[in-house]
Amino acid sequence: MPPLSEKEFTELKESINKHGLKYLIKVLPDGRIIDGYHRWLIFGDAVPYEVIDLPEEQVYELALTPNIARRQLSSEQIKALYERAKEIAKELVKA
């Protein structure tokens, strides 16, 4: 995912401070964050999370779907993310 701009990051922090956390951070059993990296940057290890145990081929899709829905990404950014998803899927099939 493209990083948040400084403005987006500040807006996210202000929104969470005002309205609370809407979405738990999702992490894999090995600790990799698959959804919620910026929320973790804001609040660190004190932020609530849930452990998601998924096959590796489903991880990227789970990370991609909510971010496309929540963030204002350009059509070019969305297309690039889907292209990357295809590349990852091909790599996983080869493995």
PDB file of N, CA and C in Angstrom:
ATOM      1  N   MET A   1       0.841  -1.175   0.000  1.00  0.00           N
ATOM      2  CA  MET A   1       0.000   0.000   0.000  1.00  0.00           C
ATOM      3  C   MET A   1       0.886   1.239   0.000  1.00  0.00           C
ATOM      4  N   PRO A   2       0.455   2.266  -0.723  1.00  0.00           N
ATOM      5  CA  PRO A   2       1.227   3.506  -0.648  1.00  0.00           C
ATOM      6  C   PRO A   2       1.128   4.102   0.751  1.00  0.00           C
ATOM      7  N   PRO A   3       2.187   4.727   1.228  1.00  0.00           N
ATOM      8  CA  PRO A   3       2.121   5.315   2.569  1.00  0.00           C
ATOM      9  C   PRO A   3       1.135   6.478   2.601  1.00  0.00           C
ATOM     10  N   LEU A   4       0.608   6.748   3.784  1.00  0.00           N
ATOM     11  CA  LEU A   4      -0.261   7.904   3.949  1.00  0.00           C
ATOM     12  C   LEU A   4       0.578   9.175   3.826  1.00  0.00           C
ATOM     13  N   SER A   5      -0.025  10.205   3.275  1.00  0.00           N
ATOM     14  CA  SER A   5       0.644  11.502   3.265  1.00  0.00           C
ATOM     15  C   SER A   5       0.665  12.021   4.703  1.00  0.00           C
ATOM     16  N   GLU A   6       1.456  13.036   4.945  1.00  0.00           N
ATOM     17  CA  GLU A   6       1.505  13.626   6.287  1.00  0.00           C
ATOM     18  C   GLU A   6       0.117  14.123   6.697  1.00  0.00           C
ATOM     19  N   LYS A   7      -0.596  14.719   5.759  1.00  0.00           N
ATOM     20  CA  LYS A   7      -1.956  15.218   6.036  1.00  0.00           C
ATOM     21  C   LYS A   7      -2.903  14.060   6.378  1.00  0.00           C
ATOM     22  N   GLU A   8      -2.853  12.978   5.585  1.00  0.00           N
ATOM     23  CA  GLU A   8      -3.716  11.819   5.844  1.00  0.00           C
ATOM     24  C   GLU A   8      -3.403  11.189   7.198  1.00  0.00           C
ATOM     25  N   PHE A   9      -2.120  11.108   7.520  1.00  0.00           N
ATOM     26  CA  PHE A   9      -1.699  10.529   8.793  1.00  0.00           C
ATOM     27  C   PHE A   9      -2.231  11.361   9.959  1.00  0.00           C
ATOM     28  N   THR A  10      -2.099  12.677   9.853  1.00  0.00           N
ATOM     29  CA  THR A  10      -2.603  13.578  10.895  1.00  0.00           C
ATOM     30  C   THR A  10      -4.110  13.458  11.021  1.00  0.00           C
ATOM     31  N   GLU A  11      -4.810  13.393   9.891  1.00  0.00           N
ATOM     32  CA  GLU A  11      -6.268  13.250   9.915  1.00  0.00           C
ATOM     33  C   GLU A  11      -6.687  11.936  10.552  1.00  0.00           C
ATOM     34  N   LEU A  12      -5.959  10.853  10.262  1.00  0.00           N
ATOM     35  CA  LEU A  12      -6.259   9.562  10.871  1.00  0.00           C
ATOM     36  C   LEU A  12      -6.081   9.638  12.381  1.00  0.00           C
ATOM     37  N   LYS A  13      -4.989  10.218  12.820  1.00  0.00           N
ATOM     38  CA  LYS A  13      -4.727  10.338  14.252  1.00  0.00           C
ATOM     39  C   LYS A  13      -5.813  11.169  14.936  1.00  0.00           C
ATOM     40  N   GLU A  14      -6.196  12.282  14.343  1.00  0.00           N
ATOM     41  CA  GLU A  14      -7.243  13.132  14.914  1.00  0.00           C
ATOM     42  C   GLU A  14      -8.587  12.406  14.954  1.00  0.00           C
ATOM     43  N   SER A  15      -8.896  11.655  13.903  1.00  0.00           N
ATOM     44  CA  SER A  15     -10.151  10.908  13.852  1.00  0.00           C
ATOM     45  C   SER A  15     -10.202   9.846  14.945  1.00  0.00           C
ATOM     46  N   ILE A  16      -9.115   9.128  15.123  1.00  0.00           N
ATOM     47  CA  ILE A  16      -9.078   8.092  16.159  1.00  0.00           C
ATOM     48  C   ILE A  16      -9.186   8.730  17.544  1.00  0.00           C
ATOM     49  N   ASN A  17      -8.494   9.846  17.750  1.00  0.00           N
ATOM     50  CA  ASN A  17      -8.583  10.527  19.041  1.00  0.00           C
ATOM     51  C   ASN A  17     -10.008  11.016  19.327  1.00  0.00           C
ATOM     52  N   LYS A  18     -10.690  11.456  18.293  1.00  0.00           N
ATOM     53  CA  LYS A  18     -12.046  11.999  18.454  1.00  0.00           C
ATOM     54  C   LYS A  18     -13.106  10.909  18.530  1.00  0.00           C
ATOM     55  N   HIS A  19     -13.011   9.908  17.659  1.00  0.00           N
ATOM     56  CA  HIS A  19     -14.076   8.908  17.515  1.00  0.00           C
ATOM     57  C   HIS A  19     -13.714   7.518  18.026  1.00  0.00           C
ATOM     58  N   GLY A  20     -12.460   7.324  18.370  1.00  0.00           N
ATOM     59  CA  GLY A  20     -12.023   5.997  18.781  1.00  0.00           C
ATOM     60  C   GLY A  20     -11.596   5.159  17.593  1.00  0.00           C
ATOM     61  N   LEU A  21     -11.083   4.009  17.901  1.00  0.00           N
ATOM     62  CA  LEU A  21     -10.595   3.097  16.875  1.00  0.00           C
ATOM     63  C   LEU A  21     -11.767   2.328  16.283  1.00  0.00           C
ATOM     64  N   LYS A  22     -11.951   2.411  14.970  1.00  0.00           N
ATOM     65  CA  LYS A  22     -13.068   1.736  14.306  1.00  0.00           C
ATOM     66  C   LYS A  22     -12.728   0.305  13.922  1.00  0.00           C
ATOM     67  N   TYR A  23     -11.463   0.048  13.625  1.00  0.00           N
ATOM     68  CA  TYR A  23     -11.048  -1.264  13.132  1.00  0.00           C
ATOM     69  C   TYR A  23      -9.847  -1.762  13.932  1.00  0.00           C
ATOM     70  N   LEU A  24      -9.918  -2.994  14.364  1.00  0.00           N
ATOM     71  CA  LEU A  24      -8.766  -3.611  15.028  1.00  0.00           C
ATOM     72  C   LEU A  24      -7.648  -3.816  14.016  1.00  0.00           C
ATOM     73  N   ILE A  25      -6.427  -3.775  14.499  1.00  0.00           N
ATOM     74  CA  ILE A  25      -5.297  -4.139  13.662  1.00  0.00           C
ATOM     75  C   ILE A  25      -5.350  -5.647  13.465  1.00  0.00           C
ATOM     76  N   LYS A  26      -5.070  -6.086  12.268  1.00  0.00           N
ATOM     77  CA  LYS A  26      -5.038  -7.518  11.970  1.00  0.00           C
ATOM     78  C   LYS A  26      -3.581  -7.928  11.788  1.00  0.00           C
ATOM     79  N   VAL A  27      -3.175  -8.932  12.554  1.00  0.00           N
ATOM     80  CA  VAL A  27      -1.805  -9.428  12.472  1.00  0.00           C
ATOM     81  C   VAL A  27      -1.818 -10.936  12.236  1.00  0.00           C
ATOM     82  N   LEU A  28      -0.762 -11.403  11.619  1.00  0.00           N
ATOM     83  CA  LEU A  28      -0.573 -12.841  11.433  1.00  0.00           C
ATOM     84  C   LEU A  28       0.062 -13.416  12.689  1.00  0.00           C
ATOM     85  N   PRO A  29      -0.016 -14.724  12.883  1.00  0.00           N
ATOM     86  CA  PRO A  29       0.594 -15.338  14.070  1.00  0.00           C
ATOM     87  C   PRO A  29       2.079 -15.007  14.235  1.00  0.00           C
ATOM     88  N   ASP A  30       2.779 -14.746  13.123  1.00  0.00           N
ATOM     89  CA  ASP A  30       4.209 -14.413  13.221  1.00  0.00           C
ATOM     90  C   ASP A  30       4.448 -12.928  13.516  1.00  0.00           C
ATOM     91  N   GLY A  31       3.361 -12.152  13.686  1.00  0.00           N
ATOM     92  CA  GLY A  31       3.492 -10.748  14.063  1.00  0.00           C
ATOM     93  C   GLY A  31       3.413  -9.755  12.921  1.00  0.00           C
ATOM     94  N   ARG A  32       3.400 -10.230  11.677  1.00  0.00           N
ATOM     95  CA  ARG A  32       3.292  -9.296  10.550  1.00  0.00           C
ATOM     96  C   ARG A  32       1.930  -8.614  10.577  1.00  0.00           C
ATOM     97  N   ILE A  33       1.916  -7.300  10.428  1.00  0.00           N
ATOM     98  CA  ILE A  33       0.670  -6.535  10.372  1.00  0.00           C
ATOM     99  C   ILE A  33       0.142  -6.608   8.947  1.00  0.00           C
ATOM    100  N   ILE A  34      -1.102  -7.066   8.799  1.00  0.00           N
ATOM    101  CA  ILE A  34      -1.681  -7.136   7.460  1.00  0.00           C
ATOM    102  C   ILE A  34      -2.743  -6.064   7.234  1.00  0.00           C
ATOM    103  N   ASP A  35      -3.214  -5.443   8.298  1.00  0.00           N
ATOM    104  CA  ASP A  35      -4.122  -4.301   8.168  1.00  0.00           C
ATOM    105  C   ASP A  35      -4.019  -3.486   9.447  1.00  0.00           C
ATOM    106  N   GLY A  36      -3.593  -2.230   9.309  1.00  0.00           N
ATOM    107  CA  GLY A  36      -3.530  -1.363  10.475  1.00  0.00           C
ATOM    108  C   GLY A  36      -2.162  -0.801  10.784  1.00  0.00           C
ATOM    109  N   TYR A  37      -1.271  -0.837   9.829  1.00  0.00           N
ATOM    110  CA  TYR A  37       0.093  -0.364  10.064  1.00  0.00           C
ATOM    111  C   TYR A  37       0.129   1.078  10.571  1.00  0.00           C
ATOM    112  N   HIS A  38      -0.640   1.957   9.946  1.00  0.00           N
ATOM    113  CA  HIS A  38      -0.618   3.366  10.351  1.00  0.00           C
ATOM    114  C   HIS A  38      -1.248   3.552  11.732  1.00  0.00           C
ATOM    115  N   ARG A  39      -2.267   2.766  12.045  1.00  0.00           N
ATOM    116  CA  ARG A  39      -2.852   2.819  13.395  1.00  0.00           C
ATOM    117  C   ARG A  39      -1.825   2.374  14.423  1.00  0.00           C
ATOM    118  N   TRP A  40      -1.037   1.371  14.076  1.00  0.00           N
ATOM    119  CA  TRP A  40       0.013   0.907  14.972  1.00  0.00           C
ATOM    120  C   TRP A  40       1.089   1.989  15.144  1.00  0.00           C
ATOM    121  N   LEU A  41       1.442   2.689  14.055  1.00  0.00           N
ATOM    122  CA  LEU A  41       2.419   3.771  14.167  1.00  0.00           C
ATOM    123  C   LEU A  41       1.936   4.848  15.129  1.00  0.00           C
ATOM    124  N   ILE A  42       0.647   5.117  15.125  1.00  0.00           N
ATOM    125  CA  ILE A  42       0.083   6.158  15.975  1.00  0.00           C
ATOM    126  C   ILE A  42       0.088   5.735  17.439  1.00  0.00           C
ATOM    127  N   PHE A  43      -0.343   4.496  17.715  1.00  0.00           N
ATOM    128  CA  PHE A  43      -0.567   4.078  19.103  1.00  0.00           C
ATOM    129  C   PHE A  43       0.391   3.025  19.617  1.00  0.00           C
ATOM    130  N   GLY A  44       1.202   2.469  18.763  1.00  0.00           N
ATOM    131  CA  GLY A  44       2.176   1.478  19.210  1.00  0.00           C
ATOM    132  C   GLY A  44       1.516   0.189  19.684  1.00  0.00           C
ATOM    133  N   ASP A  45       2.211  -0.508  20.542  1.00  0.00           N
ATOM    134  CA  ASP A  45       1.769  -1.827  20.976  1.00  0.00           C
ATOM    135  C   ASP A  45       0.520  -1.803  21.843  1.00  0.00           C
ATOM    136  N   ALA A  46       0.076  -0.619  22.273  1.00  0.00           N
ATOM    137  CA  ALA A  46      -1.126  -0.531  23.105  1.00  0.00           C
ATOM    138  C   ALA A  46      -2.414  -0.636  22.293  1.00  0.00           C
ATOM    139  N   VAL A  47      -2.316  -0.579  20.982  1.00  0.00           N
ATOM    140  CA  VAL A  47      -3.508  -0.609  20.141  1.00  0.00           C
ATOM    141  C   VAL A  47      -4.097  -2.027  20.100  1.00  0.00           C
ATOM    142  N   PRO A  48      -5.428  -2.165  20.153  1.00  0.00           N
ATOM    143  CA  PRO A  48      -6.043  -3.499  20.094  1.00  0.00           C
ATOM    144  C   PRO A  48      -5.812  -4.157  18.730  1.00  0.00           C
ATOM    145  N   TYR A  49      -5.652  -5.467  18.778  1.00  0.00           N
ATOM    146  CA  TYR A  49      -5.428  -6.196  17.531  1.00  0.00           C
ATOM    147  C   TYR A  49      -6.097  -7.569  17.611  1.00  0.00           C
ATOM    148  N   GLU A  50      -6.208  -8.193  16.448  1.00  0.00           N
ATOM    149  CA  GLU A  50      -6.668  -9.578  16.394  1.00  0.00           C
ATOM    150  C   GLU A  50      -5.698 -10.364  15.531  1.00  0.00           C
ATOM    151  N   VAL A  51      -5.466 -11.593  15.928  1.00  0.00           N
ATOM    152  CA  VAL A  51      -4.583 -12.478  15.172  1.00  0.00           C
ATOM    153  C   VAL A  51      -5.425 -13.227  14.155  1.00  0.00           C
ATOM    154  N   ILE A  52      -5.003 -13.166  12.917  1.00  0.00           N
ATOM    155  CA  ILE A  52      -5.689 -13.820  11.810  1.00  0.00           C
ATOM    156  C   ILE A  52      -4.765 -14.913  11.285  1.00  0.00           C
ATOM    157  N   ASP A  53      -5.211 -16.144  11.316  1.00  0.00           N
ATOM    158  CA  ASP A  53      -4.398 -17.250  10.816  1.00  0.00           C
ATOM    159  C   ASP A  53      -4.953 -17.655   9.453  1.00  0.00           C
ATOM    160  N   LEU A  54      -4.279 -17.218   8.404  1.00  0.00           N
ATOM    161  CA  LEU A  54      -4.730 -17.462   7.032  1.00  0.00           C
ATOM    162  C   LEU A  54      -3.630 -18.097   6.203  1.00  0.00           C
ATOM    163  N   PRO A  55      -4.021 -18.827   5.167  1.00  0.00           N
ATOM    164  CA  PRO A  55      -3.009 -19.273   4.208  1.00  0.00           C
ATOM    165  C   PRO A  55      -2.363 -18.042   3.563  1.00  0.00           C
ATOM    166  N   GLU A  56      -1.110 -18.148   3.255  1.00  0.00           N
ATOM    167  CA  GLU A  56      -0.349 -17.022   2.702  1.00  0.00           C
ATOM    168  C   GLU A  56      -1.015 -16.411   1.471  1.00  0.00           C
ATOM    169  N   GLU A  57      -1.642 -17.234   0.638  1.00  0.00           N
ATOM    170  CA  GLU A  57      -2.256 -16.706  -0.585  1.00  0.00           C
ATOM    171  C   GLU A  57      -3.466 -15.815  -0.313  1.00  0.00           C
ATOM    172  N   GLN A  58      -4.020 -15.847   0.886  1.00  0.00           N
ATOM    173  CA  GLN A  58      -5.172 -15.010   1.215  1.00  0.00           C
ATOM    174  C   GLN A  58      -4.784 -13.730   1.958  1.00  0.00           C
ATOM    175  N   VAL A  59      -3.545 -13.641   2.400  1.00  0.00           N
ATOM    176  CA  VAL A  59      -3.101 -12.509   3.213  1.00  0.00           C
ATOM    177  C   VAL A  59      -3.171 -11.194   2.433  1.00  0.00           C
ATOM    178  N   TYR A  60      -2.635 -11.184   1.220  1.00  0.00           N
ATOM    179  CA  TYR A  60      -2.593  -9.941   0.444  1.00  0.00           C
ATOM    180  C   TYR A  60      -4.004  -9.447   0.148  1.00  0.00           C
ATOM    181  N   GLU A  61      -4.885 -10.371  -0.198  1.00  0.00           N
ATOM    182  CA  GLU A  61      -6.272  -9.992  -0.484  1.00  0.00           C
ATOM    183  C   GLU A  61      -6.930  -9.378   0.747  1.00  0.00           C
ATOM    184  N   LEU A  62      -6.703  -9.964   1.909  1.00  0.00           N
ATOM    185  CA  LEU A  62      -7.288  -9.428   3.136  1.00  0.00           C
ATOM    186  C   LEU A  62      -6.742  -8.038   3.433  1.00  0.00           C
ATOM    187  N   ALA A  63      -5.487  -7.796   3.148  1.00  0.00           N
ATOM    188  CA  ALA A  63      -4.897  -6.476   3.364  1.00  0.00           C
ATOM    189  C   ALA A  63      -5.388  -5.472   2.329  1.00  0.00           C
ATOM    190  N   LEU A  64      -5.554  -5.911   1.124  1.00  0.00           N
ATOM    191  CA  LEU A  64      -5.914  -5.029   0.014  1.00  0.00           C
ATOM    192  C   LEU A  64      -7.355  -4.533   0.096  1.00  0.00           C
ATOM    193  N   THR A  65      -8.286  -5.417   0.329  1.00  0.00           N
ATOM    194  CA  THR A  65      -9.710  -5.090   0.258  1.00  0.00           C
ATOM    195  C   THR A  65     -10.124  -3.936   1.173  1.00  0.00           C
ATOM    196  N   PRO A  66      -9.847  -3.968   2.478  1.00  0.00           N
ATOM    197  CA  PRO A  66     -10.304  -2.847   3.312  1.00  0.00           C
ATOM    198  C   PRO A  66      -9.573  -1.541   3.022  1.00  0.00           C
ATOM    199  N   ASN A  67      -8.322  -1.633   2.611  1.00  0.00           N
ATOM    200  CA  ASN A  67      -7.586  -0.409   2.324  1.00  0.00           C
ATOM    201  C   ASN A  67      -8.117   0.305   1.091  1.00  0.00           C
ATOM    202  N   ILE A  68      -8.513  -0.448   0.089  1.00  0.00           N
ATOM    203  CA  ILE A  68      -9.115   0.178  -1.091  1.00  0.00           C
ATOM    204  C   ILE A  68     -10.437   0.826  -0.703  1.00  0.00           C
ATOM    205  N   ALA A  69     -11.187   0.177   0.170  1.00  0.00           N
ATOM    206  CA  ALA A  69     -12.482   0.717   0.582  1.00  0.00           C
ATOM    207  C   ALA A  69     -12.340   1.963   1.458  1.00  0.00           C
ATOM    208  N   ARG A  70     -11.334   2.015   2.317  1.00  0.00           N
ATOM    209  CA  ARG A  70     -11.213   3.103   3.287  1.00  0.00           C
ATOM    210  C   ARG A  70     -10.390   4.282   2.798  1.00  0.00           C
ATOM    211  N   ARG A  71      -9.483   4.059   1.887  1.00  0.00           N
ATOM    212  CA  ARG A  71      -8.572   5.132   1.478  1.00  0.00           C
ATOM    213  C   ARG A  71      -8.973   5.709   0.134  1.00  0.00           C
ATOM    214  N   GLN A  72      -8.647   6.962  -0.059  1.00  0.00           N
ATOM    215  CA  GLN A  72      -8.921   7.621  -1.330  1.00  0.00           C
ATOM    216  C   GLN A  72      -7.732   7.388  -2.262  1.00  0.00           C
ATOM    217  N   LEU A  73      -7.753   6.247  -2.904  1.00  0.00           N
ATOM    218  CA  LEU A  73      -6.683   5.911  -3.832  1.00  0.00           C
ATOM    219  C   LEU A  73      -7.120   6.265  -5.244  1.00  0.00           C
ATOM    220  N   SER A  74      -6.160   6.670  -6.052  1.00  0.00           N
ATOM    221  CA  SER A  74      -6.464   6.958  -7.451  1.00  0.00           C
ATOM    222  C   SER A  74      -6.703   5.643  -8.186  1.00  0.00           C
ATOM    223  N   SER A  75      -7.327   5.732  -9.337  1.00  0.00           N
ATOM    224  CA  SER A  75      -7.555   4.518 -10.123  1.00  0.00           C
ATOM    225  C   SER A  75      -6.227   3.883 -10.523  1.00  0.00           C
ATOM    226  N   GLU A  76      -5.200   4.707 -10.742  1.00  0.00           N
ATOM    227  CA  GLU A  76      -3.884   4.173 -11.090  1.00  0.00           C
ATOM    228  C   GLU A  76      -3.285   3.402  -9.915  1.00  0.00           C
ATOM    229  N   GLN A  77      -3.444   3.927  -8.709  1.00  0.00           N
ATOM    230  CA  GLN A  77      -2.931   3.226  -7.529  1.00  0.00           C
ATOM    231  C   GLN A  77      -3.659   1.900  -7.323  1.00  0.00           C
ATOM    232  N   ILE A  78      -4.968   1.905  -7.490  1.00  0.00           N
ATOM    233  CA  ILE A  78      -5.750   0.673  -7.338  1.00  0.00           C
ATOM    234  C   ILE A  78      -5.320  -0.349  -8.381  1.00  0.00           C
ATOM    235  N   LYS A  79      -5.166   0.091  -9.618  1.00  0.00           N
ATOM    236  CA  LYS A  79      -4.728  -0.815 -10.677  1.00  0.00           C
ATOM    237  C   LYS A  79      -3.359  -1.408 -10.351  1.00  0.00           C
ATOM    238  N   ALA A  80      -2.434  -0.582  -9.857  1.00  0.00           N
ATOM    239  CA  ALA A  80      -1.096  -1.072  -9.501  1.00  0.00           C
ATOM    240  C   ALA A  80      -1.172  -2.098  -8.379  1.00  0.00           C
ATOM    241  N   LEU A  81      -2.061  -1.876  -7.407  1.00  0.00           N
ATOM    242  CA  LEU A  81      -2.217  -2.836  -6.313  1.00  0.00           C
ATOM    243  C   LEU A  81      -2.742  -4.169  -6.819  1.00  0.00           C
ATOM    244  N   TYR A  82      -3.711  -4.131  -7.723  1.00  0.00           N
ATOM    245  CA  TYR A  82      -4.240  -5.381  -8.276  1.00  0.00           C
ATOM    246  C   TYR A  82      -3.192  -6.092  -9.127  1.00  0.00           C
ATOM    247  N   GLU A  83      -2.386  -5.338  -9.854  1.00  0.00           N
ATOM    248  CA  GLU A  83      -1.315  -5.957 -10.640  1.00  0.00           C
ATOM    249  C   GLU A  83      -0.314  -6.639  -9.712  1.00  0.00           C
ATOM    250  N   ARG A  84       0.000  -5.978  -8.608  1.00  0.00           N
ATOM    251  CA  ARG A  84       0.917  -6.585  -7.639  1.00  0.00           C
ATOM    252  C   ARG A  84       0.312  -7.848  -7.040  1.00  0.00           C
ATOM    253  N   ALA A  85      -0.996  -7.813  -6.790  1.00  0.00           N
ATOM    254  CA  ALA A  85      -1.678  -8.995  -6.258  1.00  0.00           C
ATOM    255  C   ALA A  85      -1.557 -10.164  -7.236  1.00  0.00           C
ATOM    256  N   LYS A  86      -1.689  -9.892  -8.517  1.00  0.00           N
ATOM    257  CA  LYS A  86      -1.539 -10.949  -9.527  1.00  0.00           C
ATOM    258  C   LYS A  86      -0.124 -11.524  -9.504  1.00  0.00           C
ATOM    259  N   GLU A  87       0.870 -10.649  -9.381  1.00  0.00           N
ATOM    260  CA  GLU A  87       2.266 -11.102  -9.327  1.00  0.00           C
ATOM    261  C   GLU A  87       2.498 -12.002  -8.112  1.00  0.00           C
ATOM    262  N   ILE A  88       1.963 -11.591  -6.980  1.00  0.00           N
ATOM    263  CA  ILE A  88       2.128 -12.375  -5.743  1.00  0.00           C
ATOM    264  C   ILE A  88       1.446 -13.732  -5.902  1.00  0.00           C
ATOM    265  N   ALA A  89       0.246 -13.741  -6.479  1.00  0.00           N
ATOM    266  CA  ALA A  89      -0.453 -15.005  -6.697  1.00  0.00           C
ATOM    267  C   ALA A  89       0.363 -15.944  -7.580  1.00  0.00           C
ATOM    268  N   LYS A  90       0.972 -15.419  -8.638  1.00  0.00           N
ATOM    269  CA  LYS A  90       1.802 -16.246  -9.515  1.00  0.00           C
ATOM    270  C   LYS A  90       3.010 -16.798  -8.768  1.00  0.00           C
ATOM    271  N   GLU A  91       3.637 -15.963  -7.945  1.00  0.00           N
ATOM    272  CA  GLU A  91       4.791 -16.400  -7.152  1.00  0.00           C
ATOM    273  C   GLU A  91       4.417 -17.511  -6.186  1.00  0.00           C
ATOM    274  N   LEU A  92       3.228 -17.396  -5.582  1.00  0.00           N
ATOM    275  CA  LEU A  92       2.782 -18.412  -4.623  1.00  0.00           C
ATOM    276  C   LEU A  92       2.477 -19.731  -5.310  1.00  0.00           C
ATOM    277  N   VAL A  93       1.956 -19.659  -6.527  1.00  0.00           N
ATOM    278  CA  VAL A  93       1.660 -20.891  -7.278  1.00  0.00           C
ATOM    279  C   VAL A  93       2.955 -21.617  -7.619  1.00  0.00           C
ATOM    280  N   LYS A  94       3.994 -20.858  -7.946  1.00  0.00           N
ATOM    281  CA  LYS A  94       5.294 -21.457  -8.279  1.00  0.00           C
ATOM    282  C   LYS A  94       5.952 -22.106  -7.080  1.00  0.00           C
ATOM    283  N   ALA A  95       5.708 -21.567  -5.886  1.00  0.00           N
ATOM    284  CA  ALA A  95       6.382 -22.041  -4.677  1.00  0.00           C
ATOM    285  C   ALA A  95       5.951 -23.418  -4.255  1.00  0.00           C
TER     286      ALA A  95
END
